[in-house]
N, C-alpha and C. Protein backbone atom coordinates (compact mmCIF):
# COMPACT_ATOMS: atom_id res chain seq x y z
N MET A 1 8.28 -0.80 -16.21
CA MET A 1 8.98 -1.95 -16.74
C MET A 1 8.40 -3.20 -16.09
N VAL A 2 8.08 -4.18 -16.91
CA VAL A 2 7.59 -5.46 -16.40
C VAL A 2 8.49 -6.57 -16.92
N LYS A 3 8.45 -7.69 -16.24
CA LYS A 3 9.22 -8.84 -16.70
C LYS A 3 8.63 -9.33 -18.01
N GLY A 4 9.50 -9.84 -18.87
CA GLY A 4 9.06 -10.34 -20.17
C GLY A 4 7.96 -11.38 -20.09
N LYS A 5 7.95 -12.16 -19.00
CA LYS A 5 6.94 -13.21 -18.89
C LYS A 5 5.53 -12.66 -18.72
N TYR A 6 5.39 -11.37 -18.42
CA TYR A 6 4.06 -10.77 -18.25
C TYR A 6 3.54 -10.10 -19.52
N VAL A 7 4.37 -10.01 -20.54
CA VAL A 7 4.00 -9.28 -21.75
C VAL A 7 2.71 -9.81 -22.37
N GLU A 8 2.64 -11.12 -22.56
CA GLU A 8 1.44 -11.70 -23.19
C GLU A 8 0.19 -11.46 -22.35
N LYS A 9 0.32 -11.55 -21.03
CA LYS A 9 -0.83 -11.30 -20.15
C LYS A 9 -1.33 -9.86 -20.30
N ILE A 10 -0.40 -8.93 -20.46
CA ILE A 10 -0.77 -7.52 -20.64
C ILE A 10 -1.45 -7.34 -21.99
N LEU A 11 -0.83 -7.86 -23.03
CA LEU A 11 -1.37 -7.67 -24.38
C LEU A 11 -2.72 -8.36 -24.57
N SER A 12 -2.96 -9.45 -23.85
CA SER A 12 -4.24 -10.16 -23.95
C SER A 12 -5.32 -9.53 -23.07
N GLY A 13 -4.92 -8.64 -22.16
CA GLY A 13 -5.89 -8.02 -21.26
C GLY A 13 -6.09 -8.77 -19.96
N GLU A 14 -5.36 -9.87 -19.77
CA GLU A 14 -5.47 -10.64 -18.53
C GLU A 14 -4.86 -9.87 -17.36
N LYS A 15 -3.76 -9.17 -17.61
CA LYS A 15 -3.10 -8.35 -16.59
C LYS A 15 -3.46 -6.90 -16.86
N LYS A 16 -4.20 -6.29 -15.93
CA LYS A 16 -4.70 -4.93 -16.10
C LYS A 16 -4.18 -3.98 -15.03
N ALA A 17 -3.20 -4.44 -14.27
CA ALA A 17 -2.64 -3.61 -13.21
C ALA A 17 -1.22 -4.06 -12.92
N THR A 18 -0.50 -3.19 -12.26
CA THR A 18 0.81 -3.55 -11.74
C THR A 18 0.88 -3.02 -10.32
N ILE A 19 1.51 -3.77 -9.45
CA ILE A 19 1.61 -3.38 -8.05
C ILE A 19 3.08 -3.12 -7.75
N ARG A 20 3.35 -1.91 -7.24
CA ARG A 20 4.72 -1.48 -6.95
C ARG A 20 4.87 -1.15 -5.47
N LEU A 21 6.02 -1.45 -4.93
CA LEU A 21 6.30 -1.15 -3.54
C LEU A 21 6.44 0.36 -3.35
N GLY A 22 5.83 0.89 -2.31
CA GLY A 22 5.92 2.31 -1.99
C GLY A 22 4.81 3.11 -2.62
N ILE A 23 4.86 4.41 -2.37
CA ILE A 23 3.88 5.33 -2.94
C ILE A 23 4.46 5.84 -4.26
N VAL A 24 3.86 5.42 -5.35
CA VAL A 24 4.32 5.80 -6.68
C VAL A 24 3.30 6.76 -7.28
N LYS A 25 3.79 7.85 -7.85
CA LYS A 25 2.92 8.83 -8.51
C LYS A 25 3.34 8.94 -9.97
N PRO A 26 2.60 8.29 -10.87
CA PRO A 26 2.96 8.33 -12.29
C PRO A 26 3.00 9.76 -12.82
N LYS A 27 3.97 10.04 -13.70
CA LYS A 27 4.13 11.39 -14.28
C LYS A 27 3.11 11.65 -15.37
N TYR A 28 2.69 10.60 -16.06
CA TYR A 28 1.84 10.76 -17.24
C TYR A 28 0.54 9.97 -17.08
N ASP A 29 -0.50 10.40 -17.79
CA ASP A 29 -1.76 9.64 -17.84
C ASP A 29 -1.62 8.45 -18.78
N GLU A 30 -0.77 8.60 -19.77
CA GLU A 30 -0.49 7.50 -20.69
C GLU A 30 0.96 7.08 -20.49
N ILE A 31 1.17 5.78 -20.45
CA ILE A 31 2.50 5.25 -20.18
C ILE A 31 2.88 4.19 -21.21
N PHE A 32 4.16 4.03 -21.42
CA PHE A 32 4.64 2.92 -22.21
C PHE A 32 4.93 1.78 -21.26
N ILE A 33 4.48 0.61 -21.64
CA ILE A 33 4.79 -0.58 -20.87
C ILE A 33 5.97 -1.24 -21.56
N HIS A 34 7.03 -1.45 -20.79
CA HIS A 34 8.26 -2.03 -21.32
C HIS A 34 8.40 -3.43 -20.75
N GLY A 35 8.74 -4.37 -21.60
CA GLY A 35 8.96 -5.74 -21.15
C GLY A 35 9.88 -6.45 -22.12
N GLY A 36 10.73 -7.28 -21.59
CA GLY A 36 11.66 -8.00 -22.46
C GLY A 36 12.63 -7.08 -23.17
N GLY A 37 12.96 -5.94 -22.56
CA GLY A 37 13.96 -5.03 -23.13
C GLY A 37 13.46 -4.09 -24.21
N ARG A 38 12.14 -3.92 -24.32
CA ARG A 38 11.60 -3.02 -25.35
C ARG A 38 10.20 -2.56 -24.96
N PRO A 39 9.73 -1.48 -25.56
CA PRO A 39 8.35 -1.07 -25.29
C PRO A 39 7.40 -2.03 -26.01
N VAL A 40 6.33 -2.44 -25.33
CA VAL A 40 5.40 -3.40 -25.94
C VAL A 40 4.01 -2.82 -26.14
N ALA A 41 3.68 -1.79 -25.36
CA ALA A 41 2.33 -1.23 -25.48
C ALA A 41 2.28 0.18 -24.91
N LEU A 42 1.31 0.91 -25.39
CA LEU A 42 0.96 2.21 -24.82
C LEU A 42 -0.32 1.98 -24.04
N ALA A 43 -0.35 2.43 -22.80
CA ALA A 43 -1.51 2.20 -21.94
C ALA A 43 -1.95 3.51 -21.28
N ARG A 44 -3.23 3.58 -20.99
CA ARG A 44 -3.79 4.72 -20.27
C ARG A 44 -4.01 4.28 -18.82
N ILE A 45 -3.51 5.07 -17.89
CA ILE A 45 -3.74 4.78 -16.48
C ILE A 45 -5.18 5.14 -16.16
N VAL A 46 -5.91 4.18 -15.60
CA VAL A 46 -7.32 4.43 -15.29
C VAL A 46 -7.55 4.64 -13.79
N LYS A 47 -6.62 4.15 -12.97
CA LYS A 47 -6.78 4.32 -11.53
C LYS A 47 -5.45 4.07 -10.83
N VAL A 48 -5.16 4.87 -9.82
CA VAL A 48 -3.98 4.67 -8.97
C VAL A 48 -4.49 4.65 -7.54
N SER A 49 -4.15 3.60 -6.81
CA SER A 49 -4.55 3.52 -5.40
C SER A 49 -3.39 2.99 -4.57
N HIS A 50 -3.48 3.23 -3.27
CA HIS A 50 -2.43 2.81 -2.35
C HIS A 50 -3.07 2.01 -1.22
N LYS A 51 -2.36 1.01 -0.78
CA LYS A 51 -2.83 0.25 0.39
C LYS A 51 -1.65 -0.49 0.98
N LYS A 52 -1.85 -0.98 2.19
CA LYS A 52 -0.80 -1.77 2.84
C LYS A 52 -0.81 -3.18 2.26
N VAL A 53 0.36 -3.80 2.30
CA VAL A 53 0.50 -5.16 1.80
C VAL A 53 -0.53 -6.07 2.45
N ARG A 54 -0.74 -5.92 3.74
CA ARG A 54 -1.69 -6.78 4.47
C ARG A 54 -3.12 -6.65 3.94
N ASP A 55 -3.43 -5.51 3.28
CA ASP A 55 -4.79 -5.26 2.81
C ASP A 55 -5.02 -5.68 1.35
N LEU A 56 -3.99 -6.23 0.71
CA LEU A 56 -4.17 -6.70 -0.67
C LEU A 56 -5.18 -7.84 -0.70
N THR A 57 -5.97 -7.90 -1.76
CA THR A 57 -7.05 -8.89 -1.86
C THR A 57 -6.86 -9.80 -3.08
N ASP A 58 -7.70 -10.82 -3.14
CA ASP A 58 -7.72 -11.68 -4.33
C ASP A 58 -8.07 -10.87 -5.57
N ASN A 59 -8.96 -9.89 -5.42
CA ASN A 59 -9.34 -9.03 -6.55
C ASN A 59 -8.13 -8.24 -7.07
N ASP A 60 -7.31 -7.72 -6.15
CA ASP A 60 -6.08 -7.02 -6.55
C ASP A 60 -5.17 -7.98 -7.33
N ALA A 61 -5.07 -9.21 -6.83
CA ALA A 61 -4.23 -10.22 -7.49
C ALA A 61 -4.74 -10.52 -8.89
N LEU A 62 -6.04 -10.67 -9.06
CA LEU A 62 -6.62 -10.95 -10.38
C LEU A 62 -6.32 -9.83 -11.37
N LYS A 63 -6.44 -8.58 -10.93
CA LYS A 63 -6.13 -7.44 -11.80
C LYS A 63 -4.68 -7.47 -12.26
N ASP A 64 -3.80 -7.97 -11.37
CA ASP A 64 -2.37 -8.03 -11.67
C ASP A 64 -1.98 -9.32 -12.40
N GLY A 65 -2.98 -10.12 -12.78
CA GLY A 65 -2.71 -11.32 -13.56
C GLY A 65 -2.38 -12.56 -12.76
N PHE A 66 -2.64 -12.54 -11.45
CA PHE A 66 -2.39 -13.70 -10.60
C PHE A 66 -3.71 -14.36 -10.22
N SER A 67 -3.64 -15.63 -9.87
CA SER A 67 -4.88 -16.36 -9.56
C SER A 67 -5.35 -16.15 -8.13
N SER A 68 -4.45 -15.69 -7.26
CA SER A 68 -4.83 -15.50 -5.85
C SER A 68 -3.91 -14.50 -5.17
N ARG A 69 -4.36 -14.03 -4.02
CA ARG A 69 -3.55 -13.12 -3.18
C ARG A 69 -2.25 -13.82 -2.79
N LYS A 70 -2.35 -15.10 -2.46
CA LYS A 70 -1.17 -15.87 -2.05
C LYS A 70 -0.11 -15.89 -3.16
N GLU A 71 -0.55 -16.13 -4.38
CA GLU A 71 0.37 -16.16 -5.53
C GLU A 71 0.98 -14.77 -5.76
N LEU A 72 0.18 -13.72 -5.62
CA LEU A 72 0.66 -12.34 -5.77
C LEU A 72 1.73 -12.04 -4.73
N LEU A 73 1.46 -12.37 -3.46
CA LEU A 73 2.42 -12.09 -2.39
C LEU A 73 3.73 -12.85 -2.61
N LYS A 74 3.64 -14.07 -3.09
CA LYS A 74 4.85 -14.86 -3.38
C LYS A 74 5.71 -14.14 -4.41
N GLU A 75 5.08 -13.63 -5.47
CA GLU A 75 5.82 -12.92 -6.52
C GLU A 75 6.37 -11.59 -6.00
N LEU A 76 5.59 -10.87 -5.21
CA LEU A 76 6.07 -9.60 -4.64
C LEU A 76 7.30 -9.83 -3.76
N ARG A 77 7.29 -10.91 -2.99
CA ARG A 77 8.43 -11.22 -2.12
C ARG A 77 9.68 -11.55 -2.94
N LYS A 78 9.49 -12.13 -4.13
CA LYS A 78 10.63 -12.40 -5.02
C LYS A 78 11.25 -11.09 -5.51
N ASN A 79 10.40 -10.11 -5.78
CA ASN A 79 10.86 -8.83 -6.34
C ASN A 79 11.36 -7.85 -5.29
N TYR A 80 10.79 -7.92 -4.10
CA TYR A 80 11.13 -6.98 -3.03
C TYR A 80 11.57 -7.78 -1.81
N ASP A 81 12.88 -7.80 -1.56
CA ASP A 81 13.46 -8.62 -0.49
C ASP A 81 12.81 -8.40 0.87
N LYS A 82 12.65 -7.15 1.23
CA LYS A 82 12.18 -6.83 2.58
C LYS A 82 10.74 -6.32 2.55
N LEU A 83 9.83 -7.17 2.14
CA LEU A 83 8.42 -6.80 2.05
C LEU A 83 7.75 -7.11 3.39
N ASN A 84 7.17 -6.07 3.99
CA ASN A 84 6.51 -6.22 5.28
C ASN A 84 5.01 -5.96 5.13
N PRO A 85 4.19 -6.56 5.99
CA PRO A 85 2.74 -6.36 5.92
C PRO A 85 2.32 -4.89 6.05
N ASP A 86 3.14 -4.07 6.74
CA ASP A 86 2.80 -2.66 6.92
C ASP A 86 3.31 -1.76 5.81
N ASP A 87 4.06 -2.31 4.86
CA ASP A 87 4.55 -1.52 3.73
C ASP A 87 3.39 -1.11 2.83
N TYR A 88 3.49 0.10 2.30
CA TYR A 88 2.49 0.55 1.33
C TYR A 88 2.90 0.10 -0.06
N VAL A 89 1.90 -0.23 -0.86
CA VAL A 89 2.11 -0.53 -2.27
C VAL A 89 1.19 0.37 -3.08
N THR A 90 1.58 0.58 -4.33
CA THR A 90 0.76 1.35 -5.26
C THR A 90 0.20 0.39 -6.29
N ILE A 91 -1.10 0.45 -6.49
CA ILE A 91 -1.76 -0.36 -7.51
C ILE A 91 -2.09 0.57 -8.67
N ILE A 92 -1.43 0.33 -9.80
CA ILE A 92 -1.65 1.15 -10.99
C ILE A 92 -2.47 0.31 -11.97
N GLU A 93 -3.73 0.71 -12.16
CA GLU A 93 -4.60 0.02 -13.11
C GLU A 93 -4.52 0.73 -14.45
N PHE A 94 -4.50 -0.05 -15.53
CA PHE A 94 -4.32 0.53 -16.86
C PHE A 94 -5.14 -0.23 -17.89
N GLU A 95 -5.31 0.42 -19.05
CA GLU A 95 -5.89 -0.26 -20.21
C GLU A 95 -4.96 -0.03 -21.39
N VAL A 96 -4.69 -1.10 -22.11
CA VAL A 96 -3.82 -1.00 -23.29
C VAL A 96 -4.59 -0.28 -24.39
N ILE A 97 -4.00 0.78 -24.91
CA ILE A 97 -4.66 1.52 -26.00
C ILE A 97 -3.95 1.32 -27.33
N LYS A 98 -2.71 0.83 -27.28
CA LYS A 98 -2.00 0.55 -28.53
C LYS A 98 -0.93 -0.51 -28.28
N LYS A 99 -1.01 -1.59 -29.04
CA LYS A 99 0.02 -2.63 -28.99
C LYS A 99 1.11 -2.24 -29.98
N LEU A 100 2.33 -2.16 -29.53
CA LEU A 100 3.41 -1.71 -30.41
C LEU A 100 3.84 -2.78 -31.40
N SER A 101 3.24 -3.96 -31.31
CA SER A 101 3.47 -4.99 -32.32
C SER A 101 2.51 -4.80 -33.50
N GLU A 102 1.60 -3.84 -33.38
CA GLU A 102 0.59 -3.58 -34.42
C GLU A 102 0.68 -2.14 -34.90
N LEU A 103 1.87 -1.70 -35.27
CA LEU A 103 2.06 -0.33 -35.72
C LEU A 103 1.56 -0.14 -37.15
N ASP A 104 1.19 1.08 -37.48
CA ASP A 104 0.66 1.43 -38.80
C ASP A 104 1.81 1.89 -39.70
N TYR A 105 2.27 1.01 -40.58
CA TYR A 105 3.42 1.32 -41.43
C TYR A 105 3.09 2.27 -42.57
N LYS A 106 1.82 2.58 -42.76
CA LYS A 106 1.44 3.55 -43.78
C LYS A 106 1.55 4.97 -43.25
N ASP A 107 1.59 5.10 -41.94
CA ASP A 107 1.71 6.40 -41.29
C ASP A 107 3.19 6.74 -41.13
N PRO A 108 3.58 7.99 -41.42
CA PRO A 108 5.01 8.34 -41.30
C PRO A 108 5.58 8.17 -39.88
N TRP A 109 4.71 8.28 -38.87
CA TRP A 109 5.16 8.10 -37.49
C TRP A 109 4.74 6.74 -36.94
N LEU A 110 4.35 5.82 -37.83
CA LEU A 110 3.92 4.46 -37.46
C LEU A 110 2.68 4.45 -36.57
N GLY A 111 1.91 5.52 -36.62
CA GLY A 111 0.71 5.60 -35.79
C GLY A 111 0.98 6.13 -34.39
N LEU A 112 2.22 6.51 -34.12
CA LEU A 112 2.58 7.07 -32.82
C LEU A 112 2.53 8.59 -32.89
N LYS A 113 2.32 9.22 -31.75
CA LYS A 113 2.40 10.67 -31.67
C LYS A 113 3.88 11.06 -31.60
N PRO A 114 4.24 12.22 -32.12
CA PRO A 114 5.64 12.65 -32.03
C PRO A 114 6.21 12.61 -30.61
N ALA A 115 5.42 13.02 -29.63
CA ALA A 115 5.90 12.99 -28.24
C ALA A 115 6.15 11.56 -27.76
N GLU A 116 5.38 10.61 -28.27
CA GLU A 116 5.59 9.20 -27.90
C GLU A 116 6.91 8.69 -28.49
N ILE A 117 7.18 9.06 -29.72
CA ILE A 117 8.46 8.69 -30.34
C ILE A 117 9.61 9.32 -29.54
N ALA A 118 9.43 10.56 -29.12
CA ALA A 118 10.46 11.25 -28.34
C ALA A 118 10.74 10.50 -27.03
N ARG A 119 9.70 10.08 -26.33
CA ARG A 119 9.88 9.37 -25.06
C ARG A 119 10.60 8.04 -25.26
N ILE A 120 10.21 7.31 -26.29
CA ILE A 120 10.87 6.02 -26.57
C ILE A 120 12.32 6.26 -26.99
N GLY A 121 12.54 7.27 -27.82
CA GLY A 121 13.89 7.59 -28.28
C GLY A 121 14.82 7.96 -27.15
N LEU A 122 14.33 8.76 -26.22
CA LEU A 122 15.17 9.15 -25.08
C LEU A 122 15.56 7.95 -24.23
N ARG A 123 14.70 6.97 -24.18
CA ARG A 123 14.99 5.79 -23.36
C ARG A 123 15.91 4.79 -24.05
N TYR A 124 15.74 4.59 -25.35
CA TYR A 124 16.44 3.50 -26.03
C TYR A 124 17.57 3.92 -26.95
N CYS A 125 17.65 5.18 -27.33
CA CYS A 125 18.74 5.63 -28.22
C CYS A 125 19.84 6.25 -27.37
N THR A 126 20.92 5.55 -27.22
CA THR A 126 22.00 6.02 -26.37
C THR A 126 23.00 6.90 -27.12
N ASP A 127 22.85 6.98 -28.43
CA ASP A 127 23.81 7.72 -29.25
C ASP A 127 23.25 9.03 -29.78
N LEU A 128 22.36 9.65 -29.03
CA LEU A 128 21.76 10.92 -29.47
C LEU A 128 22.73 12.08 -29.27
N SER A 129 22.68 13.03 -30.18
CA SER A 129 23.48 14.26 -30.00
C SER A 129 22.80 15.12 -28.93
N ASP A 130 23.52 16.10 -28.43
CA ASP A 130 22.94 17.01 -27.44
C ASP A 130 21.72 17.74 -28.01
N GLU A 131 21.81 18.12 -29.28
CA GLU A 131 20.69 18.83 -29.92
C GLU A 131 19.47 17.91 -30.06
N GLU A 132 19.70 16.65 -30.43
CA GLU A 132 18.59 15.70 -30.54
C GLU A 132 17.93 15.50 -29.17
N LYS A 133 18.75 15.36 -28.13
CA LYS A 133 18.20 15.21 -26.78
C LYS A 133 17.37 16.43 -26.39
N ARG A 134 17.89 17.61 -26.70
CA ARG A 134 17.20 18.85 -26.36
C ARG A 134 15.83 18.91 -27.05
N VAL A 135 15.79 18.55 -28.33
CA VAL A 135 14.53 18.55 -29.09
C VAL A 135 13.56 17.53 -28.50
N LEU A 136 14.03 16.31 -28.27
CA LEU A 136 13.16 15.26 -27.76
C LEU A 136 12.64 15.57 -26.36
N GLU A 137 13.52 16.07 -25.50
CA GLU A 137 13.09 16.42 -24.14
C GLU A 137 12.03 17.50 -24.16
N ASP A 138 12.22 18.52 -25.00
CA ASP A 138 11.23 19.59 -25.07
C ASP A 138 9.91 19.06 -25.64
N LEU A 139 9.99 18.21 -26.62
CA LEU A 139 8.79 17.65 -27.23
C LEU A 139 7.99 16.81 -26.22
N THR A 140 8.68 16.12 -25.32
CA THR A 140 7.95 15.36 -24.29
C THR A 140 7.23 16.29 -23.33
N ARG A 141 7.74 17.49 -23.15
CA ARG A 141 7.09 18.47 -22.26
C ARG A 141 5.91 19.16 -22.94
N THR A 142 6.12 19.60 -24.18
CA THR A 142 5.09 20.39 -24.86
C THR A 142 4.07 19.51 -25.58
N GLU A 143 4.50 18.34 -26.01
CA GLU A 143 3.68 17.42 -26.83
C GLU A 143 3.18 18.10 -28.10
N SER A 144 3.97 19.06 -28.60
CA SER A 144 3.57 19.82 -29.78
C SER A 144 4.80 20.21 -30.61
N LEU A 145 4.77 19.86 -31.90
CA LEU A 145 5.85 20.29 -32.80
C LEU A 145 5.92 21.81 -32.85
N ARG A 146 4.77 22.44 -32.93
CA ARG A 146 4.72 23.90 -33.03
C ARG A 146 5.33 24.57 -31.80
N LYS A 147 4.88 24.13 -30.62
CA LYS A 147 5.38 24.74 -29.38
C LYS A 147 6.88 24.51 -29.22
N THR A 148 7.35 23.32 -29.57
CA THR A 148 8.78 23.03 -29.47
C THR A 148 9.57 23.90 -30.44
N ALA A 149 9.07 24.07 -31.65
CA ALA A 149 9.75 24.92 -32.64
C ALA A 149 9.86 26.35 -32.13
N ILE A 150 8.80 26.85 -31.55
CA ILE A 150 8.81 28.23 -31.02
C ILE A 150 9.74 28.33 -29.82
N ARG A 151 9.64 27.37 -28.90
CA ARG A 151 10.47 27.43 -27.68
C ARG A 151 11.96 27.31 -27.99
N LEU A 152 12.33 26.41 -28.92
CA LEU A 152 13.75 26.17 -29.18
C LEU A 152 14.34 27.05 -30.27
N TYR A 153 13.52 27.41 -31.27
CA TYR A 153 14.06 28.13 -32.42
C TYR A 153 13.37 29.46 -32.68
N GLY A 154 12.39 29.80 -31.84
CA GLY A 154 11.75 31.11 -31.94
C GLY A 154 10.81 31.29 -33.12
N ASN A 155 10.54 30.22 -33.86
CA ASN A 155 9.72 30.37 -35.06
C ASN A 155 9.02 29.06 -35.39
N ILE A 156 7.74 29.16 -35.65
CA ILE A 156 6.94 27.97 -35.98
C ILE A 156 7.40 27.30 -37.28
N SER A 157 7.99 28.08 -38.17
CA SER A 157 8.42 27.52 -39.46
C SER A 157 9.62 26.57 -39.31
N LYS A 158 10.19 26.50 -38.12
CA LYS A 158 11.33 25.60 -37.86
C LYS A 158 10.88 24.19 -37.45
N ARG A 159 9.60 23.89 -37.63
CA ARG A 159 9.11 22.55 -37.29
C ARG A 159 9.85 21.47 -38.07
N TRP A 160 10.35 21.82 -39.24
CA TRP A 160 11.07 20.84 -40.06
C TRP A 160 12.27 20.26 -39.31
N ILE A 161 12.87 21.06 -38.44
CA ILE A 161 14.03 20.58 -37.67
C ILE A 161 13.58 19.47 -36.71
N ILE A 162 12.44 19.69 -36.06
CA ILE A 162 11.92 18.69 -35.13
C ILE A 162 11.52 17.43 -35.88
N ARG A 163 10.87 17.60 -37.03
CA ARG A 163 10.48 16.43 -37.84
C ARG A 163 11.70 15.63 -38.28
N LYS A 164 12.76 16.34 -38.66
CA LYS A 164 13.99 15.68 -39.10
C LYS A 164 14.59 14.85 -37.96
N VAL A 165 14.62 15.42 -36.77
CA VAL A 165 15.13 14.69 -35.60
C VAL A 165 14.26 13.46 -35.34
N LEU A 166 12.95 13.64 -35.40
CA LEU A 166 12.04 12.51 -35.17
C LEU A 166 12.23 11.40 -36.19
N ARG A 167 12.40 11.76 -37.45
CA ARG A 167 12.63 10.74 -38.49
C ARG A 167 13.92 9.96 -38.21
N ARG A 168 14.97 10.69 -37.82
CA ARG A 168 16.25 10.04 -37.51
C ARG A 168 16.10 9.08 -36.32
N VAL A 169 15.43 9.55 -35.29
CA VAL A 169 15.24 8.74 -34.08
C VAL A 169 14.37 7.52 -34.38
N LEU A 170 13.31 7.72 -35.14
CA LEU A 170 12.43 6.61 -35.50
C LEU A 170 13.20 5.56 -36.30
N LYS A 171 14.04 6.01 -37.21
CA LYS A 171 14.87 5.09 -38.00
C LYS A 171 15.79 4.28 -37.08
N LYS A 172 16.41 4.96 -36.11
CA LYS A 172 17.30 4.26 -35.16
C LYS A 172 16.52 3.22 -34.35
N LEU A 173 15.32 3.59 -33.91
CA LEU A 173 14.50 2.67 -33.11
C LEU A 173 14.12 1.43 -33.91
N ILE A 174 13.84 1.62 -35.18
CA ILE A 174 13.50 0.48 -36.05
C ILE A 174 14.74 -0.38 -36.29
N GLU A 175 15.88 0.27 -36.58
CA GLU A 175 17.12 -0.47 -36.82
C GLU A 175 17.55 -1.29 -35.61
N LYS A 176 17.32 -0.74 -34.41
CA LYS A 176 17.69 -1.44 -33.17
C LYS A 176 16.69 -2.54 -32.82
N GLY A 177 15.54 -2.57 -33.52
CA GLY A 177 14.51 -3.56 -33.22
C GLY A 177 13.64 -3.19 -32.04
N VAL A 178 13.75 -1.94 -31.59
CA VAL A 178 12.92 -1.48 -30.48
C VAL A 178 11.47 -1.32 -30.94
N LEU A 179 11.29 -0.82 -32.14
CA LEU A 179 9.97 -0.69 -32.75
C LEU A 179 9.95 -1.45 -34.06
N GLY A 180 8.77 -1.91 -34.41
CA GLY A 180 8.60 -2.46 -35.75
C GLY A 180 8.70 -3.96 -35.88
N GLN A 181 8.86 -4.68 -34.78
CA GLN A 181 8.89 -6.14 -34.87
C GLN A 181 7.90 -6.71 -33.89
N LYS A 182 7.36 -7.87 -34.22
CA LYS A 182 6.45 -8.56 -33.31
C LYS A 182 7.23 -9.02 -32.08
N ILE A 183 6.54 -9.07 -30.95
CA ILE A 183 7.14 -9.51 -29.70
C ILE A 183 7.15 -11.04 -29.68
N ASP A 184 8.29 -11.63 -29.38
CA ASP A 184 8.38 -13.08 -29.21
C ASP A 184 8.33 -13.36 -27.72
N SER A 185 7.13 -13.66 -27.22
CA SER A 185 6.96 -13.82 -25.78
C SER A 185 7.70 -15.03 -25.23
N GLU A 186 7.90 -16.06 -26.02
CA GLU A 186 8.63 -17.23 -25.54
C GLU A 186 10.08 -16.86 -25.23
N LYS A 187 10.65 -15.99 -26.06
CA LYS A 187 12.04 -15.56 -25.89
C LYS A 187 12.20 -14.72 -24.63
N ASN A 188 11.12 -14.04 -24.19
CA ASN A 188 11.21 -13.09 -23.09
C ASN A 188 10.90 -13.69 -21.73
N LYS A 189 10.74 -14.98 -21.63
CA LYS A 189 10.38 -15.59 -20.33
C LYS A 189 11.56 -15.73 -19.43
């Protein structure tokens, strides 16, 4: 999750990293970047490194969209009250592979993979049934309609159930404005 004011920098490629306090180990190679209360992009993590706050450089600041180390440290201190020079930070470098403001409306899944829809749905749809949650959670693990159908229903021919859940969730995400609308960066500052 990033502040809304960083969305444009990420989408333009000016911000190619995020720096987090502590040792962070991302669960996925591809991540959704969330800003301004919604997902804005799908990104591939290209590098994860750790260093002490005292060892941060101007180059680290530039990757994170700041003009200098001094500016970066000022922002980090705003976000983390008790930031010490000996604290470790994680630098997560990424490349945007899909802007969610540029979805493919000709594709039934808007150009997203089913597992990506599942991850967004689990985060933003608070009114899911237990069965919908079960399907989406399994799909995020297997990343396969076939595997999820076999694991949950014992038969590959039950993929239609997973597709039906995905269509319902995708419709909810569009109705809520989570997917399918351009990002208004001025509103998110």
